[in-house]
């Protein structure tokens, strides 16, 4: 390695080569991404020190009028969907030489409002924001003076670019898949009673539409509430259904985590999947391919979400975006696996 490369002329690719990792991994370490093996992180940090690699934000800002960094505000990196979304956005941003600064809001209203006016905003050129606590009544808060792309299903028709998924159609497709396999008593795990706008409300709408179209009544006893969508809440919701003696032959988890928790509860009660009960989830997280049995799920177009969000934000930053907010609804796909292979 030349003396020049051991100075500030070292690149992220040089660091990746020395540490024997991908450029994406180097970017994740630089941005403080939490799900990195300690040994890998240490190897990257040693390579950075050895090469003297530095992200010269000040120089780049003076040269381009920008910092070369974007913000990403997400509710919870502990949820697999958001962790995988963050990884995809970091990877896509890296392709254009852009770094990502992650903020975790914990779906807390105060933290989400703070993210819109955070003291780190001056370090970034724009923000990709996925709120959970803020809703349609807060639409005016998103009229900000910096480039922003909104993700999710909490606010529609706002003043900023918006990338979302067709939750209603996707949930309807998931329910129709179970109906096509002859199931008529389909429990749903993860409802949020009283929610008017949001992911749970939209997916419940798709579930109800599919049953109605099939000429089946919506039995409210089959609708199980779950607050935050974790494996534990899916397990608890399914346990309540079983304790109440509710009869069902299939389960639709409104995300993969609650579906996996429901399968755990079924297994503990001696109910076999898919022999006794079919189970389908939503989000197609990586774990769905490795659970036992593997979990049928709806893939919401995560790669398309990441690429569109980054592209739209960079276009806003560069001033090449058209006037007025844009909204994109991504494609989805049903991914059949063992949990519905009766």
C-alpha atoms as a PDB file:
ATOM      1  CA  UNK A   1       0.000   0.000   0.000  1.00  0.00           C
ATOM      2  CA  UNK A   2       1.498   3.324  -1.066  1.00  0.00           C
ATOM      3  CA  UNK A   3       2.043   6.250   1.270  1.00  0.00           C
ATOM      4  CA  UNK A   4      -0.646   8.135  -0.634  1.00  0.00           C
ATOM      5  CA  UNK A   5      -3.165   5.434   0.106  1.00  0.00           C
ATOM      6  CA  UNK A   6      -2.196   5.487   3.772  1.00  0.00           C
ATOM      7  CA  UNK A   7      -3.181   9.147   3.874  1.00  0.00           C
ATOM      8  CA  UNK A   8      -6.524  10.864   3.453  1.00  0.00           C
ATOM      9  CA  UNK A   9      -6.528   9.709  -0.194  1.00  0.00           C
ATOM     10  CA  UNK A  10      -7.738   6.273   0.915  1.00  0.00           C
ATOM     11  CA  UNK A  11     -11.209   5.343  -0.287  1.00  0.00           C
ATOM     12  CA  UNK A  12     -14.008   3.238   1.153  1.00  0.00           C
ATOM     13  CA  UNK A  13     -13.114   0.584  -1.431  1.00  0.00           C
ATOM     14  CA  UNK A  14      -9.538   0.514  -0.060  1.00  0.00           C
ATOM     15  CA  UNK A  15     -10.910  -0.026   3.443  1.00  0.00           C
ATOM     16  CA  UNK A  16     -13.185  -2.818   2.227  1.00  0.00           C
ATOM     17  CA  UNK A  17     -10.303  -4.530   0.413  1.00  0.00           C
ATOM     18  CA  UNK A  18      -7.995  -4.382   3.414  1.00  0.00           C
ATOM     19  CA  UNK A  19     -10.682  -5.567   5.845  1.00  0.00           C
ATOM     20  CA  UNK A  20     -11.842  -8.258   3.380  1.00  0.00           C
ATOM     21  CA  UNK A  21     -15.465  -7.132   3.556  1.00  0.00           C
ATOM     22  CA  UNK A  22     -17.932  -5.469   1.191  1.00  0.00           C
ATOM     23  CA  UNK A  23     -18.161  -1.720   0.687  1.00  0.00           C
ATOM     24  CA  UNK A  24     -21.661  -1.955   2.157  1.00  0.00           C
ATOM     25  CA  UNK A  25     -20.238  -3.385   5.382  1.00  0.00           C
ATOM     26  CA  UNK A  26     -17.742  -0.530   5.634  1.00  0.00           C
ATOM     27  CA  UNK A  27     -20.595   1.957   5.143  1.00  0.00           C
ATOM     28  CA  UNK A  28     -22.649   0.180   7.833  1.00  0.00           C
ATOM     29  CA  UNK A  29     -19.771   0.451  10.323  1.00  0.00           C
ATOM     30  CA  UNK A  30     -19.231   4.133   9.529  1.00  0.00           C
ATOM     31  CA  UNK A  31     -22.937   4.852   9.987  1.00  0.00           C
ATOM     32  CA  UNK A  32     -23.226   2.930  13.247  1.00  0.00           C
ATOM     33  CA  UNK A  33     -25.547   0.224  11.914  1.00  0.00           C
ATOM     34  CA  UNK A  34     -26.272  -1.978  14.960  1.00  0.00           C
ATOM     35  CA  UNK A  35     -26.443  -5.479  13.466  1.00  0.00           C
ATOM     36  CA  UNK A  36     -22.753  -6.033  12.722  1.00  0.00           C
ATOM     37  CA  UNK A  37     -20.597  -8.762  14.224  1.00  0.00           C
ATOM     38  CA  UNK A  38     -18.099  -7.304  16.722  1.00  0.00           C
ATOM     39  CA  UNK A  39     -15.188  -9.045  14.986  1.00  0.00           C
ATOM     40  CA  UNK A  40     -16.198  -7.599  11.618  1.00  0.00           C
ATOM     41  CA  UNK A  41     -16.620  -4.128  13.085  1.00  0.00           C
ATOM     42  CA  UNK A  42     -13.205  -4.318  14.727  1.00  0.00           C
ATOM     43  CA  UNK A  43     -11.570  -5.423  11.454  1.00  0.00           C
ATOM     44  CA  UNK A  44     -13.126  -2.517   9.546  1.00  0.00           C
ATOM     45  CA  UNK A  45     -12.168   0.002  12.223  1.00  0.00           C
ATOM     46  CA  UNK A  46      -8.576  -1.285  12.201  1.00  0.00           C
ATOM     47  CA  UNK A  47      -8.463  -0.910   8.406  1.00  0.00           C
ATOM     48  CA  UNK A  48      -9.824   2.638   8.680  1.00  0.00           C
ATOM     49  CA  UNK A  49      -7.133   3.526  11.220  1.00  0.00           C
ATOM     50  CA  UNK A  50      -4.379   1.838   9.227  1.00  0.00           C
ATOM     51  CA  UNK A  51      -5.302   3.635   5.995  1.00  0.00           C
ATOM     52  CA  UNK A  52      -6.160   6.930   7.640  1.00  0.00           C
ATOM     53  CA  UNK A  53      -9.510   6.922   5.861  1.00  0.00           C
ATOM     54  CA  UNK A  54     -11.673   9.938   6.675  1.00  0.00           C
ATOM     55  CA  UNK A  55     -15.037  11.159   5.403  1.00  0.00           C
ATOM     56  CA  UNK A  56     -14.185  14.804   4.816  1.00  0.00           C
ATOM     57  CA  UNK A  57     -17.670  16.253   5.170  1.00  0.00           C
ATOM     58  CA  UNK A  58     -16.495  19.865   5.317  1.00  0.00           C
ATOM     59  CA  UNK A  59     -14.474  19.711   2.108  1.00  0.00           C
ATOM     60  CA  UNK A  60     -17.198  17.893   0.242  1.00  0.00           C
ATOM     61  CA  UNK A  61     -19.793  20.349   1.486  1.00  0.00           C
ATOM     62  CA  UNK A  62     -17.742  23.327   0.252  1.00  0.00           C
ATOM     63  CA  UNK A  63     -17.134  21.678  -3.098  1.00  0.00           C
ATOM     64  CA  UNK A  64     -20.696  20.512  -3.766  1.00  0.00           C
ATOM     65  CA  UNK A  65     -22.788  22.646  -1.465  1.00  0.00           C
ATOM     66  CA  UNK A  66     -23.855  19.373   0.162  1.00  0.00           C
ATOM     67  CA  UNK A  67     -22.667  17.048   2.916  1.00  0.00           C
ATOM     68  CA  UNK A  68     -23.043  13.797   0.971  1.00  0.00           C
ATOM     69  CA  UNK A  69     -25.116  12.366   3.818  1.00  0.00           C
ATOM     70  CA  UNK A  70     -28.853  11.706   4.133  1.00  0.00           C
ATOM     71  CA  UNK A  71     -30.885  10.964   7.221  1.00  0.00           C
ATOM     72  CA  UNK A  72     -33.063   7.889   7.743  1.00  0.00           C
ATOM     73  CA  UNK A  73     -35.598   8.013  10.591  1.00  0.00           C
ATOM     74  CA  UNK A  74     -37.210   4.654  11.370  1.00  0.00           C
ATOM     75  CA  UNK A  75     -39.409   3.455  14.250  1.00  0.00           C
ATOM     76  CA  UNK A  76     -37.452   0.445  15.448  1.00  0.00           C
ATOM     77  CA  UNK A  77     -34.431  -1.370  14.063  1.00  0.00           C
ATOM     78  CA  UNK A  78     -35.291  -4.343  16.286  1.00  0.00           C
ATOM     79  CA  UNK A  79     -38.181  -5.117  13.920  1.00  0.00           C
ATOM     80  CA  UNK A  80     -36.786  -7.220  11.047  1.00  0.00           C
ATOM     81  CA  UNK A  81     -38.668  -5.307   8.344  1.00  0.00           C
ATOM     82  CA  UNK A  82     -37.158  -1.961   9.338  1.00  0.00           C
ATOM     83  CA  UNK A  83     -33.705  -3.478   9.796  1.00  0.00           C
ATOM     84  CA  UNK A  84     -33.842  -4.947   6.298  1.00  0.00           C
ATOM     85  CA  UNK A  85     -35.230  -1.686   4.904  1.00  0.00           C
ATOM     86  CA  UNK A  86     -32.364   0.254   6.502  1.00  0.00           C
ATOM     87  CA  UNK A  87     -29.827  -2.154   5.024  1.00  0.00           C
ATOM     88  CA  UNK A  88     -31.371  -1.773   1.560  1.00  0.00           C
ATOM     89  CA  UNK A  89     -31.389   2.040   1.759  1.00  0.00           C
ATOM     90  CA  UNK A  90     -27.775   2.122   2.947  1.00  0.00           C
ATOM     91  CA  UNK A  91     -26.739  -0.162   0.084  1.00  0.00           C
ATOM     92  CA  UNK A  92     -28.611   1.833  -2.558  1.00  0.00           C
ATOM     93  CA  UNK A  93     -27.305   5.160  -1.225  1.00  0.00           C
ATOM     94  CA  UNK A  94     -23.749   3.834  -1.241  1.00  0.00           C
ATOM     95  CA  UNK A  95     -24.041   3.196  -4.980  1.00  0.00           C
ATOM     96  CA  UNK A  96     -24.195   6.968  -5.463  1.00  0.00           C
ATOM     97  CA  UNK A  97     -21.498   7.690  -2.881  1.00  0.00           C
ATOM     98  CA  UNK A  98     -24.035   8.849  -0.293  1.00  0.00           C
ATOM     99  CA  UNK A  99     -23.790   7.960   3.386  1.00  0.00           C
ATOM    100  CA  UNK A 100     -26.812   7.352   5.624  1.00  0.00           C
ATOM    101  CA  UNK A 101     -27.243   8.646   9.166  1.00  0.00           C
ATOM    102  CA  UNK A 102     -29.865   6.561  11.026  1.00  0.00           C
ATOM    103  CA  UNK A 103     -32.195   7.832  13.745  1.00  0.00           C
ATOM    104  CA  UNK A 104     -34.453   5.491  15.727  1.00  0.00           C
ATOM    105  CA  UNK A 105     -37.685   7.127  16.900  1.00  0.00           C
ATOM    106  CA  UNK A 106     -39.176   4.164  18.798  1.00  0.00           C
ATOM    107  CA  UNK A 107     -42.575   5.130  17.312  1.00  0.00           C
ATOM    108  CA  UNK A 108     -42.699   7.917  19.909  1.00  0.00           C
ATOM    109  CA  UNK A 109     -44.588  11.059  18.893  1.00  0.00           C
ATOM    110  CA  UNK A 110     -42.109  13.427  20.518  1.00  0.00           C
ATOM    111  CA  UNK A 111     -39.134  11.642  18.948  1.00  0.00           C
ATOM    112  CA  UNK A 112     -40.775  11.738  15.522  1.00  0.00           C
ATOM    113  CA  UNK A 113     -41.456  15.465  15.782  1.00  0.00           C
ATOM    114  CA  UNK A 114     -37.862  15.951  16.916  1.00  0.00           C
ATOM    115  CA  UNK A 115     -36.627  14.016  13.872  1.00  0.00           C
ATOM    116  CA  UNK A 116     -38.206  16.664  11.649  1.00  0.00           C
ATOM    117  CA  UNK A 117     -36.228  19.408  13.360  1.00  0.00           C
ATOM    118  CA  UNK A 118     -33.344  17.434  14.767  1.00  0.00           C
ATOM    119  CA  UNK A 119     -30.055  19.103  15.548  1.00  0.00           C
ATOM    120  CA  UNK A 120     -28.402  16.598  13.176  1.00  0.00           C
ATOM    121  CA  UNK A 121     -30.374  17.940  10.205  1.00  0.00           C
ATOM    122  CA  UNK A 122     -27.522  20.331   9.380  1.00  0.00           C
ATOM    123  CA  UNK A 123     -25.288  17.279   8.887  1.00  0.00           C
ATOM    124  CA  UNK A 124     -27.512  15.833   6.180  1.00  0.00           C
ATOM    125  CA  UNK A 125     -28.856  16.957   2.829  1.00  0.00           C
ATOM    126  CA  UNK A 126     -32.302  15.403   3.268  1.00  0.00           C
ATOM    127  CA  UNK A 127     -34.375  12.865   5.159  1.00  0.00           C
ATOM    128  CA  UNK A 128     -36.157   9.571   4.459  1.00  0.00           C
ATOM    129  CA  UNK A 129     -38.771   9.299   7.188  1.00  0.00           C
ATOM    130  CA  UNK A 130     -41.068   6.441   8.228  1.00  0.00           C
ATOM    131  CA  UNK A 131     -43.383   7.651  11.033  1.00  0.00           C
ATOM    132  CA  UNK A 132     -45.661   5.488  13.153  1.00  0.00           C
ATOM    133  CA  UNK A 133     -46.867   7.844  15.881  1.00  0.00           C
ATOM    134  CA  UNK A 134     -47.631  10.865  13.684  1.00  0.00           C
ATOM    135  CA  UNK A 135     -50.763  10.578  11.573  1.00  0.00           C
ATOM    136  CA  UNK A 136     -53.000  12.267   9.046  1.00  0.00           C
ATOM    137  CA  UNK A 137     -53.914  15.017  11.502  1.00  0.00           C
ATOM    138  CA  UNK A 138     -50.224  16.002  11.598  1.00  0.00           C
ATOM    139  CA  UNK A 139     -49.856  16.482   7.850  1.00  0.00           C
ATOM    140  CA  UNK A 140     -48.790  20.142   8.269  1.00  0.00           C
ATOM    141  CA  UNK A 141     -45.700  19.041  10.228  1.00  0.00           C
ATOM    142  CA  UNK A 142     -44.306  17.514   7.047  1.00  0.00           C
ATOM    143  CA  UNK A 143     -44.215  20.869   5.239  1.00  0.00           C
ATOM    144  CA  UNK A 144     -40.481  21.281   5.907  1.00  0.00           C
ATOM    145  CA  UNK A 145     -37.786  23.417   4.322  1.00  0.00           C
ATOM    146  CA  UNK A 146     -35.446  20.549   3.437  1.00  0.00           C
ATOM    147  CA  UNK A 147     -35.745  17.601   1.001  1.00  0.00           C
ATOM    148  CA  UNK A 148     -37.735  14.724   2.457  1.00  0.00           C
ATOM    149  CA  UNK A 149     -39.313  11.476   1.291  1.00  0.00           C
ATOM    150  CA  UNK A 150     -42.050   9.933   3.404  1.00  0.00           C
ATOM    151  CA  UNK A 151     -42.478   6.164   3.800  1.00  0.00           C
ATOM    152  CA  UNK A 152     -45.347   4.139   5.191  1.00  0.00           C
ATOM    153  CA  UNK A 153     -49.086   4.459   5.573  1.00  0.00           C
ATOM    154  CA  UNK A 154     -49.636   7.046   8.280  1.00  0.00           C
ATOM    155  CA  UNK A 155     -49.927  10.203   6.151  1.00  0.00           C
ATOM    156  CA  UNK A 156     -51.385  10.521   2.644  1.00  0.00           C
ATOM    157  CA  UNK A 157     -51.690  13.541   0.381  1.00  0.00           C
ATOM    158  CA  UNK A 158     -48.965  15.437   2.206  1.00  0.00           C
ATOM    159  CA  UNK A 159     -46.601  18.104   0.864  1.00  0.00           C
ATOM    160  CA  UNK A 160     -43.666  15.758   0.302  1.00  0.00           C
ATOM    161  CA  UNK A 161     -42.754  12.801  -1.904  1.00  0.00           C
ATOM    162  CA  UNK A 162     -44.258   9.562  -0.609  1.00  0.00           C
ATOM    163  CA  UNK A 163     -43.345   5.922  -1.260  1.00  0.00           C
ATOM    164  CA  UNK A 164     -45.889   3.407  -0.018  1.00  0.00           C
ATOM    165  CA  UNK A 165     -47.236  -0.073  -0.723  1.00  0.00           C
ATOM    166  CA  UNK A 166     -50.720  -1.285  -1.659  1.00  0.00           C
ATOM    167  CA  UNK A 167     -51.557  -2.783   1.715  1.00  0.00           C
ATOM    168  CA  UNK A 168     -55.224  -3.331   0.899  1.00  0.00           C
ATOM    169  CA  UNK A 169     -54.620  -5.271  -2.315  1.00  0.00           C
ATOM    170  CA  UNK A 170     -51.710  -7.223  -0.799  1.00  0.00           C
ATOM    171  CA  UNK A 171     -53.701  -8.241   2.295  1.00  0.00           C
ATOM    172  CA  UNK A 172     -56.633  -9.182   0.071  1.00  0.00           C
ATOM    173  CA  UNK A 173     -54.286 -11.393  -1.984  1.00  0.00           C
ATOM    174  CA  UNK A 174     -52.960 -13.053   1.183  1.00  0.00           C
ATOM    175  CA  UNK A 175     -56.483 -13.821   2.391  1.00  0.00           C
ATOM    176  CA  UNK A 176     -57.560 -15.020  -1.050  1.00  0.00           C
ATOM    177  CA  UNK A 177     -54.601 -17.412  -1.068  1.00  0.00           C
ATOM    178  CA  UNK A 178     -55.934 -19.068   2.090  1.00  0.00           C
ATOM    179  CA  UNK A 179     -59.476 -19.109   0.679  1.00  0.00           C
ATOM    180  CA  UNK A 180     -58.217 -20.747  -2.531  1.00  0.00           C
ATOM    181  CA  UNK A 181     -56.873 -23.584  -0.393  1.00  0.00           C
ATOM    182  CA  UNK A 182     -60.319 -24.263   1.001  1.00  0.00           C
ATOM    183  CA  UNK A 183     -59.984 -22.430   4.302  1.00  0.00           C
ATOM    184  CA  UNK A 184     -63.050 -20.618   5.618  1.00  0.00           C
ATOM    185  CA  UNK A 185     -62.266 -19.806   9.249  1.00  0.00           C
ATOM    186  CA  UNK A 186     -59.311 -17.427   8.846  1.00  0.00           C
ATOM    187  CA  UNK A 187     -58.049 -15.794  12.019  1.00  0.00           C
ATOM    188  CA  UNK A 188     -56.165 -12.518  11.698  1.00  0.00           C
ATOM    189  CA  UNK A 189     -53.406 -11.533  14.138  1.00  0.00           C
ATOM    190  CA  UNK A 190     -52.280  -7.938  14.698  1.00  0.00           C
ATOM    191  CA  UNK A 191     -55.425  -5.791  14.522  1.00  0.00           C
ATOM    192  CA  UNK A 192     -55.372  -2.261  15.941  1.00  0.00           C
ATOM    193  CA  UNK A 193     -58.987  -1.529  16.964  1.00  0.00           C
ATOM    194  CA  UNK A 194     -60.035   2.053  16.299  1.00  0.00           C
ATOM    195  CA  UNK A 195     -57.236   2.765  13.839  1.00  0.00           C
ATOM    196  CA  UNK A 196     -58.565   4.725  10.859  1.00  0.00           C
ATOM    197  CA  UNK A 197     -55.384   5.298   8.850  1.00  0.00           C
ATOM    198  CA  UNK A 198     -52.358   3.061   9.162  1.00  0.00           C
ATOM    199  CA  UNK A 199     -50.860  -0.244   8.133  1.00  0.00           C
ATOM    200  CA  UNK A 200     -53.070  -2.390  10.369  1.00  0.00           C
ATOM    201  CA  UNK A 201     -56.273  -0.652   9.253  1.00  0.00           C
ATOM    202  CA  UNK A 202     -55.391  -1.023   5.565  1.00  0.00           C
ATOM    203  CA  UNK A 203     -54.434  -4.693   5.865  1.00  0.00           C
ATOM    204  CA  UNK A 204     -57.603  -5.389   7.848  1.00  0.00           C
ATOM    205  CA  UNK A 205     -59.559  -3.732   5.039  1.00  0.00           C
ATOM    206  CA  UNK A 206     -58.022  -6.126   2.513  1.00  0.00           C
ATOM    207  CA  UNK A 207     -58.806  -9.093   4.762  1.00  0.00           C
ATOM    208  CA  UNK A 208     -62.453  -8.043   5.107  1.00  0.00           C
ATOM    209  CA  UNK A 209     -62.813  -7.352   1.382  1.00  0.00           C
ATOM    210  CA  UNK A 210     -61.567 -10.844   0.505  1.00  0.00           C
ATOM    211  CA  UNK A 211     -64.003 -12.527   2.889  1.00  0.00           C
ATOM    212  CA  UNK A 212     -66.927 -10.435   1.666  1.00  0.00           C
ATOM    213  CA  UNK A 213     -66.103 -11.159  -1.986  1.00  0.00           C
ATOM    214  CA  UNK A 214     -66.100 -14.884  -1.137  1.00  0.00           C
ATOM    215  CA  UNK A 215     -69.548 -14.578   0.428  1.00  0.00           C
ATOM    216  CA  UNK A 216     -68.251 -15.188   3.948  1.00  0.00           C
ATOM    217  CA  UNK A 217     -69.205 -13.196   7.037  1.00  0.00           C
ATOM    218  CA  UNK A 218     -66.505 -11.414   9.036  1.00  0.00           C
ATOM    219  CA  UNK A 219     -66.486 -13.126  12.425  1.00  0.00           C
ATOM    220  CA  UNK A 220     -65.031 -10.610  14.878  1.00  0.00           C
ATOM    221  CA  UNK A 221     -64.080 -13.473  17.210  1.00  0.00           C
ATOM    222  CA  UNK A 222     -61.383 -14.353  14.647  1.00  0.00           C
ATOM    223  CA  UNK A 223     -59.807 -10.873  14.841  1.00  0.00           C
ATOM    224  CA  UNK A 224     -57.013 -10.802  17.431  1.00  0.00           C
ATOM    225  CA  UNK A 225     -55.484  -7.536  18.608  1.00  0.00           C
ATOM    226  CA  UNK A 226     -51.734  -7.068  18.940  1.00  0.00           C
ATOM    227  CA  UNK A 227     -50.107  -3.748  19.814  1.00  0.00           C
ATOM    228  CA  UNK A 228     -46.524  -3.566  18.563  1.00  0.00           C
ATOM    229  CA  UNK A 229     -45.987  -6.251  15.938  1.00  0.00           C
ATOM    230  CA  UNK A 230     -43.439  -8.542  17.575  1.00  0.00           C
ATOM    231  CA  UNK A 231     -43.168 -12.315  17.866  1.00  0.00           C
ATOM    232  CA  UNK A 232     -44.193 -12.051  21.529  1.00  0.00           C
ATOM    233  CA  UNK A 233     -47.418 -10.178  20.747  1.00  0.00           C
ATOM    234  CA  UNK A 234     -48.250 -12.656  17.992  1.00  0.00           C
ATOM    235  CA  UNK A 235     -47.691 -15.517  20.435  1.00  0.00           C
ATOM    236  CA  UNK A 236     -49.901 -13.822  23.045  1.00  0.00           C
ATOM    237  CA  UNK A 237     -52.697 -13.063  20.561  1.00  0.00           C
ATOM    238  CA  UNK A 238     -52.766 -16.638  19.283  1.00  0.00           C
ATOM    239  CA  UNK A 239     -52.734 -17.975  22.850  1.00  0.00           C
ATOM    240  CA  UNK A 240     -55.818 -15.872  23.631  1.00  0.00           C
ATOM    241  CA  UNK A 241     -57.663 -17.279  20.616  1.00  0.00           C
ATOM    242  CA  UNK A 242     -56.806 -20.820  21.666  1.00  0.00           C
ATOM    243  CA  UNK A 243     -57.780 -20.177  25.288  1.00  0.00           C
ATOM    244  CA  UNK A 244     -61.108 -18.745  24.140  1.00  0.00           C
ATOM    245  CA  UNK A 245     -61.831 -21.878  22.129  1.00  0.00           C
ATOM    246  CA  UNK A 246     -62.180 -20.012  18.823  1.00  0.00           C
ATOM    247  CA  UNK A 247     -62.293 -22.416  15.893  1.00  0.00           C
ATOM    248  CA  UNK A 248     -60.107 -21.559  12.887  1.00  0.00           C
ATOM    249  CA  UNK A 249     -58.351 -23.389  10.087  1.00  0.00           C
ATOM    250  CA  UNK A 250     -55.948 -20.650   8.917  1.00  0.00           C
ATOM    251  CA  UNK A 251     -54.115 -17.599  10.256  1.00  0.00           C
ATOM    252  CA  UNK A 252     -53.163 -14.338   8.567  1.00  0.00           C
ATOM    253  CA  UNK A 253     -50.473 -12.482  10.510  1.00  0.00           C
ATOM    254  CA  UNK A 254     -50.441  -8.805   9.588  1.00  0.00           C
ATOM    255  CA  UNK A 255     -46.665  -9.014   9.574  1.00  0.00           C
ATOM    256  CA  UNK A 256     -44.190 -11.886   9.618  1.00  0.00           C
ATOM    257  CA  UNK A 257     -43.158 -11.345  13.231  1.00  0.00           C
ATOM    258  CA  UNK A 258     -46.669 -11.876  14.625  1.00  0.00           C
ATOM    259  CA  UNK A 259     -47.175 -14.797  12.217  1.00  0.00           C
ATOM    260  CA  UNK A 260     -44.002 -16.454  13.519  1.00  0.00           C
ATOM    261  CA  UNK A 261     -45.150 -15.829  17.098  1.00  0.00           C
ATOM    262  CA  UNK A 262     -48.530 -17.375  16.262  1.00  0.00           C
ATOM    263  CA  UNK A 263     -46.829 -20.482  14.838  1.00  0.00           C
ATOM    264  CA  UNK A 264     -44.861 -20.803  18.063  1.00  0.00           C
ATOM    265  CA  UNK A 265     -48.066 -20.718  20.137  1.00  0.00           C
ATOM    266  CA  UNK A 266     -49.729 -23.259  17.847  1.00  0.00           C
ATOM    267  CA  UNK A 267     -46.778 -25.600  18.148  1.00  0.00           C
ATOM    268  CA  UNK A 268     -46.853 -25.392  21.961  1.00  0.00           C
ATOM    269  CA  UNK A 269     -50.552 -26.356  21.892  1.00  0.00           C
ATOM    270  CA  UNK A 270     -49.962 -29.326  19.635  1.00  0.00           C
ATOM    271  CA  UNK A 271     -51.463 -27.733  16.512  1.00  0.00           C
ATOM    272  CA  UNK A 272     -49.435 -28.567  13.420  1.00  0.00           C
ATOM    273  CA  UNK A 273     -48.657 -26.107  10.607  1.00  0.00           C
ATOM    274  CA  UNK A 274     -49.668 -26.681   7.838  1.00  0.00           C
ATOM    275  CA  UNK A 275     -51.440 -29.982   8.581  1.00  0.00           C
ATOM    276  CA  UNK A 276     -53.955 -28.489  11.058  1.00  0.00           C
ATOM    277  CA  UNK A 277     -53.654 -24.751  10.395  1.00  0.00           C
ATOM    278  CA  UNK A 278     -52.317 -22.774   7.448  1.00  0.00           C
ATOM    279  CA  UNK A 279     -50.351 -19.612   8.281  1.00  0.00           C
ATOM    280  CA  UNK A 280     -49.400 -16.637   6.111  1.00  0.00           C
ATOM    281  CA  UNK A 281     -47.491 -13.492   7.044  1.00  0.00           C
ATOM    282  CA  UNK A 282     -46.588 -10.136   5.485  1.00  0.00           C
ATOM    283  CA  UNK A 283     -43.217  -8.451   4.727  1.00  0.00           C
ATOM    284  CA  UNK A 284     -41.218 -11.499   3.539  1.00  0.00           C
ATOM    285  CA  UNK A 285     -38.409 -10.932   6.026  1.00  0.00           C
ATOM    286  CA  UNK A 286     -35.347 -13.147   5.734  1.00  0.00           C
ATOM    287  CA  UNK A 287     -36.435 -15.302   8.676  1.00  0.00           C
ATOM    288  CA  UNK A 288     -39.531 -16.398   6.736  1.00  0.00           C
ATOM    289  CA  UNK A 289     -37.259 -18.502   4.520  1.00  0.00           C
ATOM    290  CA  UNK A 290     -35.627 -20.245   7.481  1.00  0.00           C
ATOM    291  CA  UNK A 291     -38.443 -20.821   9.984  1.00  0.00           C
ATOM    292  CA  UNK A 292     -39.798 -24.320  10.572  1.00  0.00           C
ATOM    293  CA  UNK A 293     -41.953 -24.649   8.582  1.00  0.00           C
ATOM    294  CA  UNK A 294     -40.929 -21.882   6.235  1.00  0.00           C
ATOM    295  CA  UNK A 295     -43.469 -19.057   6.217  1.00  0.00           C
ATOM    296  CA  UNK A 296     -45.604 -18.055   3.249  1.00  0.00           C
ATOM    297  CA  UNK A 297     -45.553 -14.274   3.073  1.00  0.00           C
ATOM    298  CA  UNK A 298     -46.306 -11.182   1.023  1.00  0.00           C
ATOM    299  CA  UNK A 299     -43.186  -9.469  -0.336  1.00  0.00           C
ATOM    300  CA  UNK A 300     -43.966  -5.722  -0.286  1.00  0.00           C
ATOM    301  CA  UNK A 301     -41.342  -4.629  -2.804  1.00  0.00           C
ATOM    302  CA  UNK A 302     -38.716  -3.593  -0.260  1.00  0.00           C
ATOM    303  CA  UNK A 303     -35.974  -3.173  -2.865  1.00  0.00           C
ATOM    304  CA  UNK A 304     -38.277  -0.972  -4.945  1.00  0.00           C
ATOM    305  CA  UNK A 305     -39.153   1.067  -1.857  1.00  0.00           C
ATOM    306  CA  UNK A 306     -35.475   1.630  -1.033  1.00  0.00           C
ATOM    307  CA  UNK A 307     -34.439   2.506  -4.591  1.00  0.00           C
ATOM    308  CA  UNK A 308     -37.363   4.832  -5.204  1.00  0.00           C
ATOM    309  CA  UNK A 309     -36.958   6.624  -1.863  1.00  0.00           C
ATOM    310  CA  UNK A 310     -33.227   7.213  -2.369  1.00  0.00           C
ATOM    311  CA  UNK A 311     -33.670   8.296  -5.996  1.00  0.00           C
ATOM    312  CA  UNK A 312     -36.478  10.707  -5.178  1.00  0.00           C
ATOM    313  CA  UNK A 313     -34.544  12.220  -2.287  1.00  0.00           C
ATOM    314  CA  UNK A 314     -31.361  12.682  -4.326  1.00  0.00           C
ATOM    315  CA  UNK A 315     -33.392  14.310  -7.103  1.00  0.00           C
ATOM    316  CA  UNK A 316     -34.824  16.761  -4.569  1.00  0.00           C
ATOM    317  CA  UNK A 317     -31.364  17.470  -3.200  1.00  0.00           C
ATOM    318  CA  UNK A 318     -29.938  18.033  -6.686  1.00  0.00           C
ATOM    319  CA  UNK A 319     -32.892  20.181  -7.747  1.00  0.00           C
ATOM    320  CA  UNK A 320     -33.838  17.903 -10.651  1.00  0.00           C
ATOM    321  CA  UNK A 321     -37.197  16.723  -9.264  1.00  0.00           C
ATOM    322  CA  UNK A 322     -40.453  17.968 -10.809  1.00  0.00           C
ATOM    323  CA  UNK A 323     -42.622  20.491  -8.993  1.00  0.00           C
ATOM    324  CA  UNK A 324     -45.150  19.075  -6.565  1.00  0.00           C
ATOM    325  CA  UNK A 325     -45.094  15.961  -4.409  1.00  0.00           C
ATOM    326  CA  UNK A 326     -44.878  12.525  -6.007  1.00  0.00           C
ATOM    327  CA  UNK A 327     -46.470   9.323  -4.704  1.00  0.00           C
ATOM    328  CA  UNK A 328     -45.380   5.841  -5.717  1.00  0.00           C
ATOM    329  CA  UNK A 329     -47.188   2.627  -4.773  1.00  0.00           C
ATOM    330  CA  UNK A 330     -44.758  -0.284  -5.018  1.00  0.00           C
ATOM    331  CA  UNK A 331     -45.486  -3.741  -6.381  1.00  0.00           C
ATOM    332  CA  UNK A 332     -46.055  -6.744  -4.127  1.00  0.00           C
ATOM    333  CA  UNK A 333     -45.790 -10.505  -4.631  1.00  0.00           C
ATOM    334  CA  UNK A 334     -47.145 -13.531  -2.793  1.00  0.00           C
ATOM    335  CA  UNK A 335     -44.331 -15.932  -1.850  1.00  0.00           C
ATOM    336  CA  UNK A 336     -45.750 -19.422  -1.121  1.00  0.00           C
ATOM    337  CA  UNK A 337     -43.800 -21.612   1.294  1.00  0.00           C
ATOM    338  CA  UNK A 338     -44.380 -24.634   3.521  1.00  0.00           C
ATOM    339  CA  UNK A 339     -46.778 -22.986   5.997  1.00  0.00           C
ATOM    340  CA  UNK A 340     -49.573 -23.010   3.398  1.00  0.00           C
ATOM    341  CA  UNK A 341     -48.600 -26.170   1.513  1.00  0.00           C
ATOM    342  CA  UNK A 342     -51.428 -28.333   2.832  1.00  0.00           C
END
